[in-house]
Protein backbone atom coordinates (compact mmCIF):
# COMPACT_ATOMS: atom_id res chain seq x y z
CA MET A 1 239.34 -31.66 83.19
CA GLU A 2 238.16 -28.33 84.50
CA ASN A 3 234.48 -27.53 85.08
CA LEU A 4 234.09 -25.23 82.06
CA THR A 5 235.43 -27.92 79.74
CA LYS A 6 233.08 -30.51 81.27
CA LYS A 7 230.12 -28.17 80.84
CA GLN A 8 231.05 -27.47 77.23
CA ALA A 9 231.32 -31.21 76.53
CA ILE A 10 227.86 -31.79 78.02
CA VAL A 11 226.33 -28.94 76.02
CA GLN A 12 227.90 -30.23 72.79
CA SER A 13 226.58 -33.73 73.51
CA LEU A 14 223.08 -32.40 74.12
CA GLU A 15 223.19 -30.27 70.98
CA SER A 16 224.08 -33.29 68.88
CA MET A 17 221.03 -35.26 70.12
CA ASN A 18 217.65 -35.41 68.48
CA HIS A 19 214.43 -34.74 70.39
CA ILE A 20 213.82 -38.39 71.35
CA GLU A 21 217.35 -38.83 72.67
CA MET A 22 217.04 -35.66 74.73
CA GLU A 23 213.77 -36.88 76.24
CA LYS A 24 215.43 -40.16 77.19
CA VAL A 25 218.26 -38.30 78.92
CA ILE A 26 215.81 -36.06 80.79
CA ASP A 27 213.75 -39.08 81.89
CA TYR A 28 216.92 -40.83 83.04
CA ILE A 29 218.01 -37.82 85.10
CA LYS A 30 214.55 -37.45 86.61
CA GLY A 31 214.67 -41.13 87.55
CA LEU A 32 217.96 -40.58 89.35
CA LEU A 33 216.67 -37.57 91.24
CA TYR A 34 213.17 -38.76 92.15
CA VAL A 35 212.82 -40.87 95.28
CA PRO A 36 209.18 -41.79 96.03
CA GLU A 37 209.95 -42.24 99.73
CA ASN A 38 210.80 -38.54 99.95
CA ASP A 39 207.26 -37.61 98.91
CA ALA A 40 205.76 -39.60 101.78
CA THR A 41 208.27 -38.22 104.27
CA HIS A 42 207.62 -34.66 103.10
CA GLN A 43 203.86 -35.11 103.46
CA GLU A 44 204.27 -36.58 106.95
CA LEU A 45 206.46 -33.68 108.05
CA LYS A 46 204.04 -31.16 106.56
CA GLN A 47 201.08 -32.79 108.29
CA LYS A 48 202.93 -32.91 111.62
CA ALA A 49 203.92 -29.25 111.31
CA LEU A 50 200.32 -28.22 110.62
CA MET A 51 199.11 -30.19 113.64
CA GLU A 52 201.73 -28.50 115.84
CA ILE A 53 200.67 -25.08 114.55
CA LYS A 54 197.01 -25.85 115.31
CA GLU A 55 197.92 -27.04 118.80
CA ALA A 56 200.01 -23.92 119.45
CA LEU A 57 197.16 -21.70 118.29
CA ARG A 58 194.72 -23.44 120.62
CA LYS A 59 197.08 -23.04 123.60
CA SER A 60 197.83 -19.38 122.94
CA PRO A 61 194.99 -17.21 124.32
CA GLU A 62 196.23 -13.96 122.72
CA LEU A 63 195.94 -15.59 119.28
CA ALA A 64 192.51 -17.05 119.86
């Protein structure tokens, strides 16, 4: 099955759903995509990057 046909089948399926069914599908997809561990990792990386920027600014006399 080519991509266009797959997309059309998905759109037709979504169009045939009522509001509650659509919400369930959206919640299901969000559940597949969301990984709580990624939030913590992202925050750690962000915090580390900010600390490195602060340290670089302290060491650089022309920026002080």
